[in-house]
Protein backbone atom coordinates (compact mmCIF):
# COMPACT_ATOMS: atom_id res chain seq x y z
CA MET A 1 0.00 0.00 0.00
CA ASN A 2 1.22 3.48 -0.87
CA SER A 3 -1.56 5.37 0.92
CA PHE A 4 -2.18 6.46 4.49
CA GLY A 5 -5.22 7.83 6.31
CA HIS A 6 -9.00 7.56 6.06
CA ARG A 7 -10.62 11.00 5.75
CA PHE A 8 -7.40 12.97 5.35
CA ARG A 9 -5.58 10.59 3.05
CA PHE A 10 -2.42 10.82 1.01
CA SER A 11 -0.65 8.61 -1.50
CA THR A 12 2.98 8.95 -2.57
CA PHE A 13 4.84 8.00 -5.73
CA GLY A 14 8.39 8.06 -7.05
CA GLU A 15 11.85 6.60 -6.41
CA SER A 16 15.14 7.85 -5.05
CA HIS A 17 16.81 8.03 -8.47
CA GLY A 18 13.73 8.47 -10.65
CA VAL A 19 12.60 11.68 -12.34
CA ALA A 20 10.50 12.89 -9.41
CA LEU A 21 8.61 12.08 -6.23
CA GLY A 22 5.27 13.39 -5.16
CA CYS A 23 1.97 12.89 -3.41
CA ILE A 24 -1.76 13.24 -3.84
CA VAL A 25 -3.65 14.49 -0.79
CA ASP A 26 -7.39 13.82 -0.51
CA GLY A 27 -9.89 15.06 2.07
CA VAL A 28 -8.63 18.63 2.42
CA PRO A 29 -11.65 20.86 3.13
CA ALA A 30 -12.31 23.57 0.56
CA GLY A 31 -11.31 27.12 1.45
CA LEU A 32 -8.11 26.30 3.34
CA LYS A 33 -5.41 28.89 2.64
CA ILE A 34 -2.49 27.09 1.00
CA ASP A 35 0.66 28.92 2.02
CA LEU A 36 3.38 27.93 -0.46
CA ASP A 37 6.12 29.57 1.59
CA PHE A 38 5.11 27.54 4.63
CA ILE A 39 5.10 24.31 2.63
CA GLN A 40 8.54 25.04 1.17
CA ASN A 41 9.93 25.90 4.60
CA GLU A 42 8.77 22.50 5.87
CA MET A 43 10.53 20.86 2.93
CA ASN A 44 13.70 22.82 3.64
CA ARG A 45 13.84 21.44 7.19
CA ARG A 46 14.05 17.88 5.83
CA LYS A 47 16.02 18.38 2.62
CA PRO A 48 19.53 16.89 2.33
CA GLY A 49 22.85 18.63 1.85
CA GLN A 50 22.42 21.37 4.45
CA ASN A 51 25.41 20.72 6.70
CA GLU A 52 28.15 18.28 7.69
CA PHE A 53 25.73 16.22 9.77
CA ALA A 54 23.68 15.16 6.72
CA THR A 55 24.22 13.51 3.37
CA LYS A 56 25.99 15.62 0.72
CA ARG A 57 23.24 14.92 -1.81
CA ASN A 58 22.18 18.45 -2.75
CA GLU A 59 18.46 18.55 -3.54
CA GLY A 60 16.40 21.74 -3.60
CA ASP A 61 13.21 19.79 -2.82
CA LYS A 62 11.14 22.53 -4.41
CA VAL A 63 7.43 21.66 -4.34
CA GLU A 64 5.19 22.29 -7.32
CA ILE A 65 1.42 22.08 -6.83
CA LEU A 66 -0.33 20.53 -9.82
CA SER A 67 -3.98 20.53 -8.77
CA GLY A 68 -6.51 21.16 -6.04
CA VAL A 69 -5.58 24.81 -5.37
CA PHE A 70 -7.13 27.89 -6.99
CA GLU A 71 -6.23 31.47 -6.14
CA GLY A 72 -4.40 30.33 -3.04
CA LEU A 73 -7.24 28.26 -1.58
CA SER A 74 -7.96 24.54 -1.55
CA THR A 75 -10.85 23.59 -3.82
CA GLY A 76 -11.89 20.46 -1.91
CA THR A 77 -10.51 18.20 -4.64
CA SER A 78 -7.26 16.22 -4.67
CA ILE A 79 -4.13 18.29 -4.11
CA ALA A 80 -1.29 16.87 -6.20
CA MET A 81 2.30 17.92 -5.52
CA ILE A 82 5.56 17.00 -7.24
CA ILE A 83 9.21 17.25 -6.20
CA TYR A 84 11.77 16.78 -8.98
CA ASN A 85 15.03 14.94 -8.28
CA GLU A 86 17.97 17.14 -9.26
CA ASN A 87 21.14 15.56 -7.89
CA GLN A 88 21.10 11.82 -8.47
CA LYS A 89 24.37 9.93 -8.86
CA SER A 90 23.14 6.53 -9.94
CA SER A 91 26.67 5.43 -10.84
CA ASP A 92 27.44 5.28 -7.11
CA TYR A 93 25.31 2.13 -6.98
CA SER A 94 26.72 0.20 -9.96
CA ASN A 95 28.89 -1.98 -7.72
CA VAL A 96 25.88 -3.12 -5.64
CA LYS A 97 23.68 -3.90 -8.62
CA ASP A 98 23.69 -7.65 -7.92
CA LEU A 99 24.18 -7.81 -4.16
CA PHE A 100 22.12 -7.13 -1.05
CA ARG A 101 23.33 -4.31 1.19
CA PRO A 102 23.24 -5.37 4.88
CA GLY A 103 20.57 -3.57 6.89
CA HIS A 104 18.66 -2.43 3.79
CA ALA A 105 15.43 -3.57 2.14
CA ASP A 106 17.30 -4.97 -0.88
CA PHE A 107 16.98 -8.59 0.24
CA THR A 108 13.28 -8.44 1.11
CA TYR A 109 12.21 -6.36 -1.91
CA PHE A 110 14.00 -8.70 -4.31
CA ASN A 111 12.56 -11.83 -2.72
CA LYS A 112 9.06 -10.34 -2.61
CA TYR A 113 8.91 -8.89 -6.15
CA GLY A 114 11.71 -10.66 -8.04
CA ILE A 115 13.00 -7.27 -9.16
CA ARG A 116 14.34 -4.17 -7.44
CA ASP A 117 15.64 -0.71 -8.20
CA TYR A 118 19.16 -0.93 -6.76
CA ARG A 119 19.83 2.81 -7.21
CA GLY A 120 19.61 4.06 -3.65
CA GLY A 121 16.95 1.53 -2.78
CA GLY A 122 14.36 2.87 -5.20
CA ARG A 123 10.98 2.98 -3.52
CA SER A 124 12.39 1.85 -0.16
CA SER A 125 14.70 4.85 0.00
CA ALA A 126 14.20 7.53 2.66
CA ARG A 127 14.10 9.97 -0.25
CA GLU A 128 10.40 9.05 -0.50
CA THR A 129 9.77 10.81 2.81
CA SER A 130 10.05 14.19 1.08
CA ALA A 131 6.55 13.55 -0.24
CA ARG A 132 5.30 12.78 3.28
CA VAL A 133 6.62 16.13 4.49
CA ALA A 134 4.77 17.87 1.66
CA ALA A 135 1.53 16.13 2.67
CA GLY A 136 2.27 16.88 6.32
CA ALA A 137 2.61 20.57 5.51
CA ILE A 138 -0.96 20.59 4.16
CA ALA A 139 -2.12 18.83 7.34
CA LYS A 140 -0.33 21.44 9.44
CA LEU A 141 -2.08 24.26 7.60
CA LEU A 142 -5.38 22.67 8.63
CA LEU A 143 -4.23 22.19 12.25
CA ASN A 144 -3.00 25.79 12.38
CA GLU A 145 -6.58 26.93 11.84
CA LEU A 146 -7.36 25.38 15.24
CA ASP A 147 -4.13 26.44 16.94
CA ILE A 148 -2.98 22.82 17.22
CA LYS A 149 0.83 22.88 17.32
CA VAL A 150 3.05 19.95 16.35
CA GLN A 151 6.77 20.20 17.05
CA SER A 152 9.78 17.89 17.21
CA GLY A 153 13.41 17.67 18.18
CA ILE A 154 16.24 15.26 18.91
CA CYS A 155 16.39 14.00 22.50
CA ALA A 156 19.14 11.38 22.06
CA ILE A 157 22.01 10.58 19.71
CA ASP A 158 24.13 7.45 20.09
CA GLY A 159 22.86 7.03 23.66
CA ILE A 160 23.67 10.64 24.64
CA GLU A 161 20.35 11.73 26.12
CA ALA A 162 18.87 15.17 26.66
CA ASN A 163 18.30 16.23 30.24
CA SER A 164 15.70 18.84 29.27
CA PHE A 165 13.50 19.53 26.25
CA ASP A 166 13.55 23.05 24.80
CA PHE A 167 11.67 23.15 21.49
CA SER A 168 12.42 26.86 21.10
CA GLN A 169 16.10 26.13 20.47
CA VAL A 170 15.60 23.35 17.89
CA ALA A 171 15.54 25.74 14.91
CA ASN A 172 18.97 27.07 15.91
CA SER A 173 20.58 23.64 16.04
CA PRO A 174 21.95 21.89 12.92
CA ILE A 175 20.96 18.55 14.48
CA TYR A 176 17.64 19.83 15.92
CA ALA A 177 18.88 19.19 19.46
CA LEU A 178 16.43 19.75 22.32
CA ASP A 179 19.10 20.16 25.00
CA LYS A 180 21.88 22.64 24.37
CA SER A 181 23.92 21.23 27.24
CA VAL A 182 24.52 17.93 25.39
CA GLU A 183 24.31 19.19 21.81
CA GLU A 184 28.08 19.36 21.29
CA LEU A 185 28.50 15.80 22.55
CA GLN A 186 25.74 14.63 20.22
CA LYS A 187 27.31 16.45 17.27
CA LYS A 188 30.68 14.94 18.06
CA ALA A 189 29.14 11.45 18.15
CA ILE A 190 27.74 11.97 14.65
CA LEU A 191 30.99 13.32 13.23
CA ASP A 192 33.10 10.64 14.92
CA ALA A 193 30.93 7.96 13.34
CA LYS A 194 31.06 9.73 9.97
CA ASN A 195 34.85 10.07 10.06
CA SER A 196 35.23 6.38 10.90
CA HIS A 197 32.90 5.49 7.97
CA ASN A 198 30.20 4.36 10.39
CA SER A 199 26.84 5.71 11.61
CA VAL A 200 24.78 6.27 14.76
CA GLY A 201 21.13 6.05 15.77
CA GLY A 202 18.98 8.57 17.60
CA VAL A 203 15.65 9.37 19.21
CA ALA A 204 13.20 12.09 18.20
CA LEU A 205 10.57 13.56 20.51
CA ILE A 206 7.29 14.66 18.93
CA ASN A 207 5.05 16.97 20.96
CA VAL A 208 1.51 18.19 20.27
CA LYS A 209 -0.05 21.14 22.09
CA ASN A 210 -3.71 22.24 22.15
CA CYS A 211 -5.02 18.92 20.86
CA PRO A 212 -8.79 18.78 21.46
CA ILE A 213 -10.38 16.00 23.50
CA GLY A 214 -11.94 13.19 21.48
CA LEU A 215 -9.55 12.36 18.63
CA GLY A 216 -9.36 8.62 18.04
CA GLU A 217 -11.84 5.99 16.84
CA PRO A 218 -12.33 2.90 19.04
CA ILE A 219 -11.38 0.17 18.65
CA TYR A 220 -9.23 -0.40 15.57
CA TYR A 221 -8.48 3.20 14.61
CA LYS A 222 -7.25 4.49 17.95
CA LEU A 223 -5.14 7.63 18.08
CA ASP A 224 -2.18 5.84 19.62
CA SER A 225 -2.40 2.92 17.21
CA GLN A 226 -2.45 5.28 14.22
CA ILE A 227 0.49 7.22 15.63
CA ALA A 228 2.44 3.98 16.03
CA ASN A 229 1.42 2.94 12.51
CA ALA A 230 2.56 6.26 11.08
CA MET A 231 5.88 6.31 12.90
CA MET A 232 6.77 2.66 12.27
CA GLY A 233 6.19 3.29 8.58
CA ILE A 234 9.11 5.73 8.49
CA ASN A 235 12.43 4.39 7.23
CA ALA A 236 14.82 3.18 9.97
CA VAL A 237 12.28 3.49 12.82
CA LYS A 238 12.49 0.47 15.12
CA ALA A 239 10.44 1.52 18.16
CA VAL A 240 7.84 4.04 19.32
CA GLU A 241 6.96 5.13 22.86
CA ILE A 242 3.81 7.05 23.74
CA GLY A 243 3.88 8.96 27.00
CA ASP A 244 6.08 7.11 29.50
CA GLY A 245 6.21 4.15 27.12
CA ILE A 246 8.29 1.26 28.46
CA LEU A 247 8.51 2.89 31.89
CA ALA A 248 4.76 2.31 32.33
CA SER A 249 5.47 -1.43 32.55
CA LYS A 250 7.96 -0.91 35.37
CA VAL A 251 5.94 1.14 37.87
CA LYS A 252 2.87 0.52 40.02
CA GLY A 253 -0.60 1.56 38.90
CA TYR A 254 -0.79 4.39 41.42
CA ASP A 255 2.42 5.88 40.04
CA ASN A 256 1.38 5.49 36.41
CA ASN A 257 -2.19 6.81 36.67
CA ASP A 258 -2.74 10.47 35.82
CA GLN A 259 -4.96 11.76 38.63
CA ILE A 260 -7.55 14.39 37.69
CA ARG A 261 -8.54 17.68 39.33
CA LYS A 262 -10.86 20.46 38.20
CA THR A 263 -7.90 22.18 36.62
CA GLY A 264 -6.97 19.07 34.62
CA PHE A 265 -4.57 16.14 34.90
CA LYS A 266 -1.95 16.31 37.65
CA THR A 267 0.57 14.37 35.51
CA ASN A 268 0.85 13.20 31.91
CA HIS A 269 2.26 9.68 32.01
CA SER A 270 -0.28 8.65 29.34
CA GLY A 271 1.16 11.03 26.77
CA GLY A 272 -2.21 12.71 26.24
CA ILE A 273 -4.08 9.57 25.18
CA LEU A 274 -6.53 7.40 27.18
CA GLY A 275 -8.41 4.46 25.66
CA GLY A 276 -7.05 5.41 22.26
CA ILE A 277 -8.65 8.88 22.47
CA SER A 278 -6.96 12.23 23.08
CA ASN A 279 -7.62 13.65 26.55
CA GLY A 280 -6.70 17.27 25.81
CA ASP A 281 -3.25 17.11 27.41
CA ASP A 282 0.03 17.33 25.49
CA ILE A 283 0.69 14.35 23.22
CA ASN A 284 4.27 13.12 23.65
CA VAL A 285 5.82 10.46 21.45
CA LYS A 286 9.40 9.20 21.22
CA VAL A 287 10.53 7.71 17.92
CA TYR A 288 13.64 5.50 17.84
CA PHE A 289 15.76 5.43 14.66
CA LYS A 290 18.38 2.78 14.06
CA ALA A 291 21.87 3.71 12.87
CA THR A 292 21.99 4.39 9.13
CA PRO A 293 22.62 1.05 7.40
CA SER A 294 24.61 2.74 4.60
CA ILE A 295 28.15 2.68 5.99
CA PHE A 296 31.55 2.57 4.31
CA ILE A 297 33.02 -0.36 6.21
CA GLU A 298 33.34 -3.61 4.28
CA GLN A 299 30.62 -6.11 5.24
CA ASP A 300 29.68 -9.68 4.38
CA THR A 301 26.62 -10.34 2.22
CA VAL A 302 25.33 -12.45 -0.66
CA ASP A 303 24.45 -11.56 -4.23
CA ILE A 304 21.27 -12.35 -6.16
CA TYR A 305 22.83 -15.66 -7.27
CA GLY A 306 23.47 -16.85 -3.71
CA ASN A 307 27.23 -16.26 -3.72
CA GLU A 308 28.94 -14.91 -0.60
CA VAL A 309 30.56 -11.58 -1.47
CA ALA A 310 31.96 -8.43 0.16
CA CYS A 311 29.84 -5.28 0.22
CA LYS A 312 31.78 -2.02 -0.27
CA LEU A 313 29.44 0.95 -0.48
CA LYS A 314 29.96 4.26 -2.23
CA GLY A 315 27.64 7.25 -2.36
CA ARG A 316 26.31 9.98 -0.08
CA HIS A 317 24.51 9.00 3.10
CA ASP A 318 23.38 10.49 6.41
CA PRO A 319 25.61 9.50 9.31
CA CYS A 320 22.49 9.80 11.51
CA VAL A 321 19.07 9.50 9.89
CA ALA A 322 17.28 10.47 13.11
CA VAL A 323 18.00 14.18 12.55
CA ARG A 324 16.10 14.64 9.29
CA GLY A 325 13.83 11.76 10.27
CA SER A 326 12.49 13.84 13.15
CA VAL A 327 10.91 16.24 10.62
CA VAL A 328 9.25 13.30 8.86
CA ALA A 329 7.88 12.01 12.18
CA GLU A 330 6.50 15.46 12.95
CA SER A 331 4.81 15.55 9.53
CA MET A 332 3.27 12.12 10.01
CA MET A 333 1.93 13.18 13.41
CA ALA A 334 0.21 16.16 11.75
CA ILE A 335 -1.34 13.85 9.15
CA VAL A 336 -2.69 11.48 11.82
CA LEU A 337 -4.23 14.37 13.74
CA ALA A 338 -5.80 15.91 10.63
CA ASP A 339 -7.31 12.56 9.69
CA LEU A 340 -8.78 11.89 13.13
CA LEU A 341 -9.93 15.50 13.46
CA LEU A 342 -12.10 15.11 10.36
CA LEU A 343 -13.33 11.69 11.48
CA ASN A 344 -14.34 13.07 14.88
CA MET A 345 -16.65 15.66 13.33
CA SER A 346 -19.42 13.08 12.91
CA SER A 347 -19.12 11.52 16.38
CA LYS A 348 -22.15 13.44 17.73
CA VAL A 349 -25.52 14.07 16.12
CA GLU A 350 -25.46 17.73 17.16
CA ASN A 351 -22.36 18.23 15.04
CA ILE A 352 -24.22 16.93 12.00
CA LYS A 353 -27.26 19.09 12.79
CA LYS A 354 -25.09 22.21 12.86
CA ILE A 355 -24.42 21.67 9.19
CA TYR A 356 -27.59 20.12 7.82
CA ALA A 357 -30.53 21.00 10.12
CA LYS A 358 -32.82 23.76 8.76
């Protein structure tokens, strides 16, 4: 499947070394102001080639809207967007044409389909996530109308964890660090791995403020299940924690429960979600990215003929995919919220009467 969502739904197309990538977004209400500068700024946060902590592949990631927008407003029909590839170096992959790169989807794609695009992984490449950020920007424009704010940052790199979370400083950090006190150590970990032809993993924190109560559809379209679905669908993500996550299994019920007063919840161990439905508190999600599998250390593998061979990679790769991946996770969170926001509109008969009753 190349689509995600129910009411707010998007589909992506394209490959890492193809002509272009793009998406088609359905379910956008008519009359939404489509701010092209905002969309492009979102793309710029994810695009490669910005600094020494990212791949050197230099893509402008300029978005072109093909349909669904007239005079700056959404028309209620499908919004199609395209992002042209400008800086492919397919020759970098000629030496891996017939072998499976360790840690990549090469092996599974080939065995599933009997054919694969070996140039950067084709459809399985993280390059595809540029289209998700474009769709996420449309979702954010909708959420902005309701003052729902989605933000993200890096809370851990190579096991170096943040002691505090300051989203206001993320934009000033080349690695989107949440804690300035450990940022230099995190940056050093990335560069040390890069200089030794290796890579490191990291953890992104996604936060949502001003989320209304009631988002989430019991039982099989819960808010937390859709968040997990969205995050686990991002390249290199291996785990997701909502609220206290794993810690919730290690404490007693009294310590884990969020007691309630007239003024609201006393704590937020649940991460803003109870019974799969938003409770109005901040939504907090941690997304765990594995170390980039594209490394420049010789590794053992097999080729498509079953022969044992050595894998020696070339090319341009992120030494830590978590950094740019955090922007993708933030975009997917916005898409989940937009989808469930539209679904929730029909949860009460009075909501329907407001529109149709005469």
